[in-house]
PDB file of N, CA and C in Angstrom:
ATOM      1  N   MET A   1       0.852  -1.179   0.000  1.00  0.00           N
ATOM      2  CA  MET A   1       0.000   0.000   0.000  1.00  0.00           C
ATOM      3  C   MET A   1       0.901   1.247   0.000  1.00  0.00           C
ATOM      4  N   PRO A   2       0.563   2.263  -0.807  1.00  0.00           N
ATOM      5  CA  PRO A   2       1.405   3.463  -0.895  1.00  0.00           C
ATOM      6  C   PRO A   2       1.298   4.337   0.349  1.00  0.00           C
ATOM      7  N   CYS A   3       2.332   5.125   0.561  1.00  0.00           N
ATOM      8  CA  CYS A   3       2.337   6.066   1.688  1.00  0.00           C
ATOM      9  C   CYS A   3       1.391   7.226   1.383  1.00  0.00           C
ATOM     10  N   ILE A   4       1.123   8.012   2.418  1.00  0.00           N
ATOM     11  CA  ILE A   4       0.309   9.224   2.287  1.00  0.00           C
ATOM     12  C   ILE A   4       1.208  10.429   2.524  1.00  0.00           C
ATOM     13  N   GLN A   5       1.168  11.380   1.609  1.00  0.00           N
ATOM     14  CA  GLN A   5       1.837  12.666   1.788  1.00  0.00           C
ATOM     15  C   GLN A   5       0.770  13.647   2.269  1.00  0.00           C
ATOM     16  N   HIS A   6       0.986  14.218   3.451  1.00  0.00           N
ATOM     17  CA  HIS A   6       0.041  15.123   4.098  1.00  0.00           C
ATOM     18  C   HIS A   6       0.636  16.526   4.015  1.00  0.00           C
ATOM     19  N   CYS A   7       0.104  17.344   3.126  1.00  0.00           N
ATOM     20  CA  CYS A   7       0.632  18.681   2.871  1.00  0.00           C
ATOM     21  C   CYS A   7      -0.286  19.713   3.525  1.00  0.00           C
ATOM     22  N   VAL A   8       0.295  20.576   4.345  1.00  0.00           N
ATOM     23  CA  VAL A   8      -0.478  21.580   5.075  1.00  0.00           C
ATOM     24  C   VAL A   8       0.135  22.953   4.821  1.00  0.00           C
ATOM     25  N   LEU A   9      -0.692  23.887   4.370  1.00  0.00           N
ATOM     26  CA  LEU A   9      -0.294  25.279   4.195  1.00  0.00           C
ATOM     27  C   LEU A   9      -0.928  26.093   5.318  1.00  0.00           C
ATOM     28  N   VAL A  10      -0.165  27.025   5.878  1.00  0.00           N
ATOM     29  CA  VAL A  10      -0.593  27.765   7.059  1.00  0.00           C
ATOM     30  C   VAL A  10      -0.424  29.260   6.822  1.00  0.00           C
ATOM     31  N   LYS A  11      -1.419  30.037   7.258  1.00  0.00           N
ATOM     32  CA  LYS A  11      -1.327  31.496   7.263  1.00  0.00           C
ATOM     33  C   LYS A  11      -1.205  31.938   8.709  1.00  0.00           C
ATOM     34  N   PHE A  12       0.020  32.252   9.143  1.00  0.00           N
ATOM     35  CA  PHE A  12       0.171  32.815  10.475  1.00  0.00           C
ATOM     36  C   PHE A  12      -0.274  34.272  10.436  1.00  0.00           C
ATOM     37  N   ALA A  13      -0.929  34.700  11.507  1.00  0.00           N
ATOM     38  CA  ALA A  13      -1.398  36.078  11.607  1.00  0.00           C
ATOM     39  C   ALA A  13      -0.203  37.025  11.643  1.00  0.00           C
ATOM     40  N   VAL A  14      -0.400  38.219  11.084  1.00  0.00           N
ATOM     41  CA  VAL A  14       0.628  39.251  11.132  1.00  0.00           C
ATOM     42  C   VAL A  14       0.973  39.517  12.598  1.00  0.00           C
ATOM     43  N   GLY A  15       2.259  39.592  12.890  1.00  0.00           N
ATOM     44  CA  GLY A  15       2.713  39.859  14.249  1.00  0.00           C
ATOM     45  C   GLY A  15       2.962  38.624  15.089  1.00  0.00           C
ATOM     46  N   THR A  16       2.712  37.436  14.519  1.00  0.00           N
ATOM     47  CA  THR A  16       3.012  36.216  15.263  1.00  0.00           C
ATOM     48  C   THR A  16       4.519  36.155  15.500  1.00  0.00           C
ATOM     49  N   PRO A  17       4.943  36.026  16.751  1.00  0.00           N
ATOM     50  CA  PRO A  17       6.385  35.990  17.025  1.00  0.00           C
ATOM     51  C   PRO A  17       7.070  34.791  16.372  1.00  0.00           C
ATOM     52  N   GLN A  18       8.293  35.011  15.908  1.00  0.00           N
ATOM     53  CA  GLN A  18       9.056  33.924  15.290  1.00  0.00           C
ATOM     54  C   GLN A  18       9.215  32.754  16.267  1.00  0.00           C
ATOM     55  N   ARG A  19       9.350  33.063  17.547  1.00  0.00           N
ATOM     56  CA  ARG A  19       9.481  32.007  18.561  1.00  0.00           C
ATOM     57  C   ARG A  19       8.266  31.075  18.532  1.00  0.00           C
ATOM     58  N   THR A  20       7.080  31.631  18.362  1.00  0.00           N
ATOM     59  CA  THR A  20       5.853  30.835  18.305  1.00  0.00           C
ATOM     60  C   THR A  20       5.858  29.939  17.069  1.00  0.00           C
ATOM     61  N   ILE A  21       6.288  30.484  15.948  1.00  0.00           N
ATOM     62  CA  ILE A  21       6.350  29.700  14.710  1.00  0.00           C
ATOM     63  C   ILE A  21       7.379  28.585  14.846  1.00  0.00           C
ATOM     64  N   ASP A  22       8.516  28.883  15.442  1.00  0.00           N
ATOM     65  CA  ASP A  22       9.551  27.859  15.657  1.00  0.00           C
ATOM     66  C   ASP A  22       9.022  26.741  16.564  1.00  0.00           C
ATOM     67  N   GLU A  23       8.274  27.109  17.602  1.00  0.00           N
ATOM     68  CA  GLU A  23       7.689  26.112  18.501  1.00  0.00           C
ATOM     69  C   GLU A  23       6.661  25.244  17.773  1.00  0.00           C
ATOM     70  N   PHE A  24       5.897  25.859  16.881  1.00  0.00           N
ATOM     71  CA  PHE A  24       4.918  25.123  16.079  1.00  0.00           C
ATOM     72  C   PHE A  24       5.606  24.000  15.305  1.00  0.00           C
ATOM     73  N   PHE A  25       6.684  24.335  14.616  1.00  0.00           N
ATOM     74  CA  PHE A  25       7.398  23.322  13.836  1.00  0.00           C
ATOM     75  C   PHE A  25       8.081  22.295  14.740  1.00  0.00           C
ATOM     76  N   ALA A  26       8.590  22.713  15.883  1.00  0.00           N
ATOM     77  CA  ALA A  26       9.198  21.767  16.822  1.00  0.00           C
ATOM     78  C   ALA A  26       8.150  20.796  17.360  1.00  0.00           C
ATOM     79  N   ASP A  27       6.967  21.297  17.673  1.00  0.00           N
ATOM     80  CA  ASP A  27       5.894  20.431  18.165  1.00  0.00           C
ATOM     81  C   ASP A  27       5.489  19.406  17.104  1.00  0.00           C
ATOM     82  N   LEU A  28       5.411  19.841  15.855  1.00  0.00           N
ATOM     83  CA  LEU A  28       5.069  18.910  14.775  1.00  0.00           C
ATOM     84  C   LEU A  28       6.168  17.866  14.578  1.00  0.00           C
ATOM     85  N   ARG A  29       7.422  18.307  14.575  1.00  0.00           N
ATOM     86  CA  ARG A  29       8.542  17.368  14.416  1.00  0.00           C
ATOM     87  C   ARG A  29       8.549  16.317  15.524  1.00  0.00           C
ATOM     88  N   ALA A  30       8.167  16.712  16.724  1.00  0.00           N
ATOM     89  CA  ALA A  30       8.150  15.788  17.859  1.00  0.00           C
ATOM     90  C   ALA A  30       7.161  14.644  17.639  1.00  0.00           C
ATOM     91  N   LEU A  31       6.129  14.874  16.830  1.00  0.00           N
ATOM     92  CA  LEU A  31       5.157  13.811  16.564  1.00  0.00           C
ATOM     93  C   LEU A  31       5.780  12.646  15.804  1.00  0.00           C
ATOM     94  N   VAL A  32       6.830  12.909  15.047  1.00  0.00           N
ATOM     95  CA  VAL A  32       7.502  11.849  14.287  1.00  0.00           C
ATOM     96  C   VAL A  32       8.007  10.763  15.242  1.00  0.00           C
ATOM     97  N   ASP A  33       8.521  11.166  16.397  1.00  0.00           N
ATOM     98  CA  ASP A  33       9.032  10.208  17.373  1.00  0.00           C
ATOM     99  C   ASP A  33       7.943   9.636  18.270  1.00  0.00           C
ATOM    100  N   LYS A  34       6.824  10.332  18.396  1.00  0.00           N
ATOM    101  CA  LYS A  34       5.748   9.898  19.292  1.00  0.00           C
ATOM    102  C   LYS A  34       4.778   8.926  18.642  1.00  0.00           C
ATOM    103  N   LEU A  35       4.529   9.102  17.355  1.00  0.00           N
ATOM    104  CA  LEU A  35       3.487   8.313  16.692  1.00  0.00           C
ATOM    105  C   LEU A  35       4.092   7.371  15.659  1.00  0.00           C
ATOM    106  N   PRO A  36       3.909   6.074  15.827  1.00  0.00           N
ATOM    107  CA  PRO A  36       4.455   5.125  14.847  1.00  0.00           C
ATOM    108  C   PRO A  36       3.829   5.324  13.469  1.00  0.00           C
ATOM    109  N   GLY A  37       4.642   5.111  12.447  1.00  0.00           N
ATOM    110  CA  GLY A  37       4.145   5.179  11.080  1.00  0.00           C
ATOM    111  C   GLY A  37       4.357   6.509  10.390  1.00  0.00           C
ATOM    112  N   ILE A  38       4.877   7.512  11.121  1.00  0.00           N
ATOM    113  CA  ILE A  38       5.242   8.777  10.477  1.00  0.00           C
ATOM    114  C   ILE A  38       6.706   8.647  10.090  1.00  0.00           C
ATOM    115  N   SER A  39       6.947   8.648   8.798  1.00  0.00           N
ATOM    116  CA  SER A  39       8.313   8.385   8.335  1.00  0.00           C
ATOM    117  C   SER A  39       9.061   9.638   7.901  1.00  0.00           C
ATOM    118  N   GLY A  40       8.381  10.775   7.861  1.00  0.00           N
ATOM    119  CA  GLY A  40       9.084  11.977   7.441  1.00  0.00           C
ATOM    120  C   GLY A  40       8.327  13.237   7.767  1.00  0.00           C
ATOM    121  N   PHE A  41       9.094  14.317   7.917  1.00  0.00           N
ATOM    122  CA  PHE A  41       8.529  15.630   8.157  1.00  0.00           C
ATOM    123  C   PHE A  41       9.493  16.678   7.615  1.00  0.00           C
ATOM    124  N   THR A  42       8.957  17.628   6.891  1.00  0.00           N
ATOM    125  CA  THR A  42       9.729  18.783   6.456  1.00  0.00           C
ATOM    126  C   THR A  42       8.777  19.978   6.411  1.00  0.00           C
ATOM    127  N   GLY A  43       9.301  21.140   6.728  1.00  0.00           N
ATOM    128  CA  GLY A  43       8.444  22.316   6.702  1.00  0.00           C
ATOM    129  C   GLY A  43       9.241  23.583   6.905  1.00  0.00           C
ATOM    130  N   GLY A  44       8.593  24.716   6.647  1.00  0.00           N
ATOM    131  CA  GLY A  44       9.253  25.992   6.842  1.00  0.00           C
ATOM    132  C   GLY A  44       8.455  27.137   6.240  1.00  0.00           C
ATOM    133  N   ALA A  45       9.112  28.286   6.184  1.00  0.00           N
ATOM    134  CA  ALA A  45       8.497  29.512   5.672  1.00  0.00           C
ATOM    135  C   ALA A  45       8.471  29.506   4.145  1.00  0.00           C
ATOM    136  N   ASP A  46       7.464  30.153   3.597  1.00  0.00           N
ATOM    137  CA  ASP A  46       7.365  30.312   2.144  1.00  0.00           C
ATOM    138  C   ASP A  46       8.552  31.133   1.643  1.00  0.00           C
ATOM    139  N   CYS A  47       9.199  30.641   0.613  1.00  0.00           N
ATOM    140  CA  CYS A  47      10.301  31.397   0.004  1.00  0.00           C
ATOM    141  C   CYS A  47      10.120  31.495  -1.512  1.00  0.00           C
ATOM    142  N   SER A  48       8.907  31.246  -1.980  1.00  0.00           N
ATOM    143  CA  SER A  48       8.617  31.283  -3.408  1.00  0.00           C
ATOM    144  C   SER A  48       8.689  32.711  -3.940  1.00  0.00           C
ATOM    145  N   LEU A  49       9.139  32.835  -5.159  1.00  0.00           N
ATOM    146  CA  LEU A  49       9.206  34.138  -5.819  1.00  0.00           C
ATOM    147  C   LEU A  49       8.064  34.354  -6.813  1.00  0.00           C
ATOM    148  N   ASP A  50       7.176  33.342  -6.966  1.00  0.00           N
ATOM    149  CA  ASP A  50       6.152  33.441  -7.994  1.00  0.00           C
ATOM    150  C   ASP A  50       4.935  34.274  -7.588  1.00  0.00           C
ATOM    151  N   GLY A  51       4.825  34.647  -6.319  1.00  0.00           N
ATOM    152  CA  GLY A  51       3.723  35.490  -5.880  1.00  0.00           C
ATOM    153  C   GLY A  51       2.370  34.805  -5.839  1.00  0.00           C
ATOM    154  N   LEU A  52       2.355  33.480  -5.750  1.00  0.00           N
ATOM    155  CA  LEU A  52       1.096  32.737  -5.776  1.00  0.00           C
ATOM    156  C   LEU A  52       0.743  32.091  -4.441  1.00  0.00           C
ATOM    157  N   SER A  53       1.345  32.547  -3.359  1.00  0.00           N
ATOM    158  CA  SER A  53       1.129  31.902  -2.056  1.00  0.00           C
ATOM    159  C   SER A  53      -0.248  32.181  -1.464  1.00  0.00           C
ATOM    160  N   GLN A  54      -0.964  33.150  -1.993  1.00  0.00           N
ATOM    161  CA  GLN A  54      -2.303  33.513  -1.536  1.00  0.00           C
ATOM    162  C   GLN A  54      -2.346  33.755  -0.031  1.00  0.00           C
ATOM    163  N   GLY A  55      -1.266  34.304   0.511  1.00  0.00           N
ATOM    164  CA  GLY A  55      -1.220  34.649   1.922  1.00  0.00           C
ATOM    165  C   GLY A  55      -0.708  33.559   2.840  1.00  0.00           C
ATOM    166  N   TYR A  56      -0.517  32.355   2.307  1.00  0.00           N
ATOM    167  CA  TYR A  56       0.026  31.280   3.137  1.00  0.00           C
ATOM    168  C   TYR A  56       1.500  31.584   3.387  1.00  0.00           C
ATOM    169  N   THR A  57       1.871  31.571   4.658  1.00  0.00           N
ATOM    170  CA  THR A  57       3.212  31.992   5.047  1.00  0.00           C
ATOM    171  C   THR A  57       4.162  30.834   5.290  1.00  0.00           C
ATOM    172  N   HIS A  58       3.621  29.663   5.601  1.00  0.00           N
ATOM    173  CA  HIS A  58       4.427  28.504   5.966  1.00  0.00           C
ATOM    174  C   HIS A  58       3.726  27.239   5.478  1.00  0.00           C
ATOM    175  N   GLY A  59       4.475  26.163   5.440  1.00  0.00           N
ATOM    176  CA  GLY A  59       3.887  24.886   5.061  1.00  0.00           C
ATOM    177  C   GLY A  59       4.725  23.734   5.558  1.00  0.00           C
ATOM    178  N   PHE A  60       4.102  22.560   5.551  1.00  0.00           N
ATOM    179  CA  PHE A  60       4.848  21.357   5.889  1.00  0.00           C
ATOM    180  C   PHE A  60       4.248  20.158   5.194  1.00  0.00           C
ATOM    181  N   VAL A  61       5.077  19.134   5.044  1.00  0.00           N
ATOM    182  CA  VAL A  61       4.641  17.842   4.514  1.00  0.00           C
ATOM    183  C   VAL A  61       5.050  16.784   5.520  1.00  0.00           C
ATOM    184  N   MET A  62       4.086  15.955   5.901  1.00  0.00           N
ATOM    185  CA  MET A  62       4.324  14.838   6.800  1.00  0.00           C
ATOM    186  C   MET A  62       4.020  13.570   6.008  1.00  0.00           C
ATOM    187  N   THR A  63       4.921  12.601   6.081  1.00  0.00           N
ATOM    188  CA  THR A  63       4.735  11.357   5.343  1.00  0.00           C
ATOM    189  C   THR A  63       4.275  10.264   6.300  1.00  0.00           C
ATOM    190  N   PHE A  64       3.158   9.653   5.964  1.00  0.00           N
ATOM    191  CA  PHE A  64       2.598   8.552   6.745  1.00  0.00           C
ATOM    192  C   PHE A  64       2.801   7.248   5.983  1.00  0.00           C
ATOM    193  N   ALA A  65       3.045   6.187   6.711  1.00  0.00           N
ATOM    194  CA  ALA A  65       3.268   4.875   6.087  1.00  0.00           C
ATOM    195  C   ALA A  65       2.082   4.456   5.229  1.00  0.00           C
ATOM    196  N   ASP A  66       0.883   4.824   5.654  1.00  0.00           N
ATOM    197  CA  ASP A  66      -0.331   4.430   4.934  1.00  0.00           C
ATOM    198  C   ASP A  66      -1.499   5.273   5.429  1.00  0.00           C
ATOM    199  N   ALA A  67      -2.654   5.074   4.812  1.00  0.00           N
ATOM    200  CA  ALA A  67      -3.834   5.856   5.187  1.00  0.00           C
ATOM    201  C   ALA A  67      -4.267   5.570   6.616  1.00  0.00           C
ATOM    202  N   ALA A  68      -4.100   4.347   7.079  1.00  0.00           N
ATOM    203  CA  ALA A  68      -4.489   4.000   8.450  1.00  0.00           C
ATOM    204  C   ALA A  68      -3.677   4.807   9.463  1.00  0.00           C
ATOM    205  N   THR A  69      -2.391   4.998   9.199  1.00  0.00           N
ATOM    206  CA  THR A  69      -1.550   5.789  10.097  1.00  0.00           C
ATOM    207  C   THR A  69      -2.023   7.237  10.130  1.00  0.00           C
ATOM    208  N   ARG A  70      -2.318   7.796   8.971  1.00  0.00           N
ATOM    209  CA  ARG A  70      -2.853   9.160   8.901  1.00  0.00           C
ATOM    210  C   ARG A  70      -4.172   9.267   9.666  1.00  0.00           C
ATOM    211  N   ASP A  71      -4.995   8.233   9.538  1.00  0.00           N
ATOM    212  CA  ASP A  71      -6.295   8.250  10.196  1.00  0.00           C
ATOM    213  C   ASP A  71      -6.184   8.176  11.720  1.00  0.00           C
ATOM    214  N   VAL A  72      -5.107   7.600  12.228  1.00  0.00           N
ATOM    215  CA  VAL A  72      -4.843   7.594  13.674  1.00  0.00           C
ATOM    216  C   VAL A  72      -4.323   8.965  14.108  1.00  0.00           C
ATOM    217  N   TYR A  73      -3.486   9.571  13.287  1.00  0.00           N
ATOM    218  CA  TYR A  73      -2.867  10.869  13.584  1.00  0.00           C
ATOM    219  C   TYR A  73      -3.899  11.981  13.715  1.00  0.00           C
ATOM    220  N   LEU A  74      -4.852  12.047  12.796  1.00  0.00           N
ATOM    221  CA  LEU A  74      -5.774  13.187  12.740  1.00  0.00           C
ATOM    222  C   LEU A  74      -6.502  13.440  14.062  1.00  0.00           C
ATOM    223  N   PRO A  75      -7.121  12.425  14.701  1.00  0.00           N
ATOM    224  CA  PRO A  75      -7.805  12.686  15.971  1.00  0.00           C
ATOM    225  C   PRO A  75      -6.913  12.474  17.205  1.00  0.00           C
ATOM    226  N   HIS A  76      -5.646  12.136  16.994  1.00  0.00           N
ATOM    227  CA  HIS A  76      -4.755  11.844  18.119  1.00  0.00           C
ATOM    228  C   HIS A  76      -4.668  13.061  19.046  1.00  0.00           C
ATOM    229  N   PRO A  77      -4.723  12.857  20.366  1.00  0.00           N
ATOM    230  CA  PRO A  77      -4.701  13.984  21.301  1.00  0.00           C
ATOM    231  C   PRO A  77      -3.490  14.909  21.142  1.00  0.00           C
ATOM    232  N   ASP A  78      -2.330  14.379  20.789  1.00  0.00           N
ATOM    233  CA  ASP A  78      -1.157  15.239  20.595  1.00  0.00           C
ATOM    234  C   ASP A  78      -1.322  16.142  19.382  1.00  0.00           C
ATOM    235  N   HIS A  79      -1.934  15.627  18.323  1.00  0.00           N
ATOM    236  CA  HIS A  79      -2.191  16.440  17.128  1.00  0.00           C
ATOM    237  C   HIS A  79      -3.252  17.491  17.426  1.00  0.00           C
ATOM    238  N   VAL A  80      -4.327  17.084  18.082  1.00  0.00           N
ATOM    239  CA  VAL A  80      -5.408  18.011  18.423  1.00  0.00           C
ATOM    240  C   VAL A  80      -4.885  19.119  19.341  1.00  0.00           C
ATOM    241  N   ALA A  81      -3.990  18.771  20.262  1.00  0.00           N
ATOM    242  CA  ALA A  81      -3.410  19.778  21.160  1.00  0.00           C
ATOM    243  C   ALA A  81      -2.623  20.834  20.376  1.00  0.00           C
ATOM    244  N   ILE A  82      -1.915  20.409  19.337  1.00  0.00           N
ATOM    245  CA  ILE A  82      -1.187  21.364  18.495  1.00  0.00           C
ATOM    246  C   ILE A  82      -2.167  22.290  17.777  1.00  0.00           C
ATOM    247  N   LEU A  83      -3.240  21.724  17.246  1.00  0.00           N
ATOM    248  CA  LEU A  83      -4.249  22.560  16.579  1.00  0.00           C
ATOM    249  C   LEU A  83      -4.787  23.622  17.534  1.00  0.00           C
ATOM    250  N   GLU A  84      -5.123  23.209  18.739  1.00  0.00           N
ATOM    251  CA  GLU A  84      -5.707  24.139  19.704  1.00  0.00           C
ATOM    252  C   GLU A  84      -4.684  25.178  20.180  1.00  0.00           C
ATOM    253  N   LYS A  85      -3.443  24.756  20.376  1.00  0.00           N
ATOM    254  CA  LYS A  85      -2.404  25.659  20.870  1.00  0.00           C
ATOM    255  C   LYS A  85      -2.120  26.787  19.875  1.00  0.00           C
ATOM    256  N   TYR A  86      -2.114  26.455  18.578  1.00  0.00           N
ATOM    257  CA  TYR A  86      -1.701  27.435  17.570  1.00  0.00           C
ATOM    258  C   TYR A  86      -2.855  28.087  16.824  1.00  0.00           C
ATOM    259  N   ARG A  87      -4.070  27.625  17.014  1.00  0.00           N
ATOM    260  CA  ARG A  87      -5.230  28.221  16.332  1.00  0.00           C
ATOM    261  C   ARG A  87      -5.300  29.734  16.542  1.00  0.00           C
ATOM    262  N   PRO A  88      -5.045  30.251  17.755  1.00  0.00           N
ATOM    263  CA  PRO A  88      -5.119  31.710  17.940  1.00  0.00           C
ATOM    264  C   PRO A  88      -4.074  32.497  17.134  1.00  0.00           C
ATOM    265  N   HIS A  89      -3.043  31.828  16.662  1.00  0.00           N
ATOM    266  CA  HIS A  89      -1.978  32.499  15.909  1.00  0.00           C
ATOM    267  C   HIS A  89      -2.187  32.431  14.399  1.00  0.00           C
ATOM    268  N   LEU A  90      -3.260  31.766  13.978  1.00  0.00           N
ATOM    269  CA  LEU A  90      -3.536  31.616  12.554  1.00  0.00           C
ATOM    270  C   LEU A  90      -4.458  32.725  12.076  1.00  0.00           C
ATOM    271  N   ASP A  91      -4.219  33.210  10.890  1.00  0.00           N
ATOM    272  CA  ASP A  91      -5.062  34.241  10.287  1.00  0.00           C
ATOM    273  C   ASP A  91      -6.414  33.609   9.954  1.00  0.00           C
ATOM    274  N   GLY A  92      -7.429  33.923  10.752  1.00  0.00           N
ATOM    275  CA  GLY A  92      -8.751  33.357  10.524  1.00  0.00           C
ATOM    276  C   GLY A  92      -8.970  32.021  11.207  1.00  0.00           C
ATOM    277  N   GLY A  93      -8.143  31.683  12.181  1.00  0.00           N
ATOM    278  CA  GLY A  93      -8.287  30.380  12.841  1.00  0.00           C
ATOM    279  C   GLY A  93      -8.027  29.266  11.850  1.00  0.00           C
ATOM    280  N   LEU A  94      -8.859  28.247  11.861  1.00  0.00           N
ATOM    281  CA  LEU A  94      -8.637  27.129  10.936  1.00  0.00           C
ATOM    282  C   LEU A  94      -8.898  27.502   9.486  1.00  0.00           C
ATOM    283  N   ASP A  95      -9.496  28.667   9.238  1.00  0.00           N
ATOM    284  CA  ASP A  95      -9.605  29.143   7.857  1.00  0.00           C
ATOM    285  C   ASP A  95      -8.227  29.513   7.305  1.00  0.00           C
ATOM    286  N   GLY A  96      -7.244  29.646   8.187  1.00  0.00           N
ATOM    287  CA  GLY A  96      -5.879  29.938   7.776  1.00  0.00           C
ATOM    288  C   GLY A  96      -5.048  28.695   7.541  1.00  0.00           C
ATOM    289  N   VAL A  97      -5.716  27.576   7.306  1.00  0.00           N
ATOM    290  CA  VAL A  97      -5.030  26.304   7.049  1.00  0.00           C
ATOM    291  C   VAL A  97      -5.635  25.664   5.817  1.00  0.00           C
ATOM    292  N   HIS A  98      -4.801  25.105   4.970  1.00  0.00           N
ATOM    293  CA  HIS A  98      -5.240  24.342   3.802  1.00  0.00           C
ATOM    294  C   HIS A  98      -4.507  23.013   3.814  1.00  0.00           C
ATOM    295  N   VAL A  99      -5.260  21.918   3.689  1.00  0.00           N
ATOM    296  CA  VAL A  99      -4.675  20.581   3.763  1.00  0.00           C
ATOM    297  C   VAL A  99      -5.000  19.819   2.489  1.00  0.00           C
ATOM    298  N   LEU A 100      -3.990  19.118   1.980  1.00  0.00           N
ATOM    299  CA  LEU A 100      -4.162  18.254   0.817  1.00  0.00           C
ATOM    300  C   LEU A 100      -3.324  17.007   1.044  1.00  0.00           C
ATOM    301  N   ASP A 101      -3.958  15.849   0.924  1.00  0.00           N
ATOM    302  CA  ASP A 101      -3.250  14.567   1.061  1.00  0.00           C
ATOM    303  C   ASP A 101      -3.257  13.850  -0.281  1.00  0.00           C
ATOM    304  N   TRP A 102      -2.181  13.113  -0.541  1.00  0.00           N
ATOM    305  CA  TRP A 102      -2.132  12.281  -1.738  1.00  0.00           C
ATOM    306  C   TRP A 102      -1.317  11.030  -1.457  1.00  0.00           C
ATOM    307  N   TYR A 103      -1.540  10.031  -2.290  1.00  0.00           N
ATOM    308  CA  TYR A 103      -0.766   8.798  -2.184  1.00  0.00           C
ATOM    309  C   TYR A 103       0.568   8.997  -2.876  1.00  0.00           C
ATOM    310  N   GLY A 104       1.641   8.602  -2.173  1.00  0.00           N
ATOM    311  CA  GLY A 104       2.967   8.786  -2.752  1.00  0.00           C
ATOM    312  C   GLY A 104       3.635   7.495  -3.083  1.00  0.00           C
TER     313      GLY A 104
END
């Protein structure tokens, strides 16, 4: 069965401290060691020159071994805690997030 690539684009609100953004990525990276079946994580600030980011400031891709692993991750308390912790820092709350998954 193919892996799942979980791509998330984030719009941090103007004025969000860099320390908060760094903690966001550290918290996500920590899930790789906490939850079995996550085989990769990469993320960071938008550095595109094409001007098509539509306000999304950061993004990440998390690789799951399969759809079942992703399905455990989504409602997992550690993942939900990250959503709740950083929601106030997102432009528009969860409207400041775009998620797309595909089989890799």
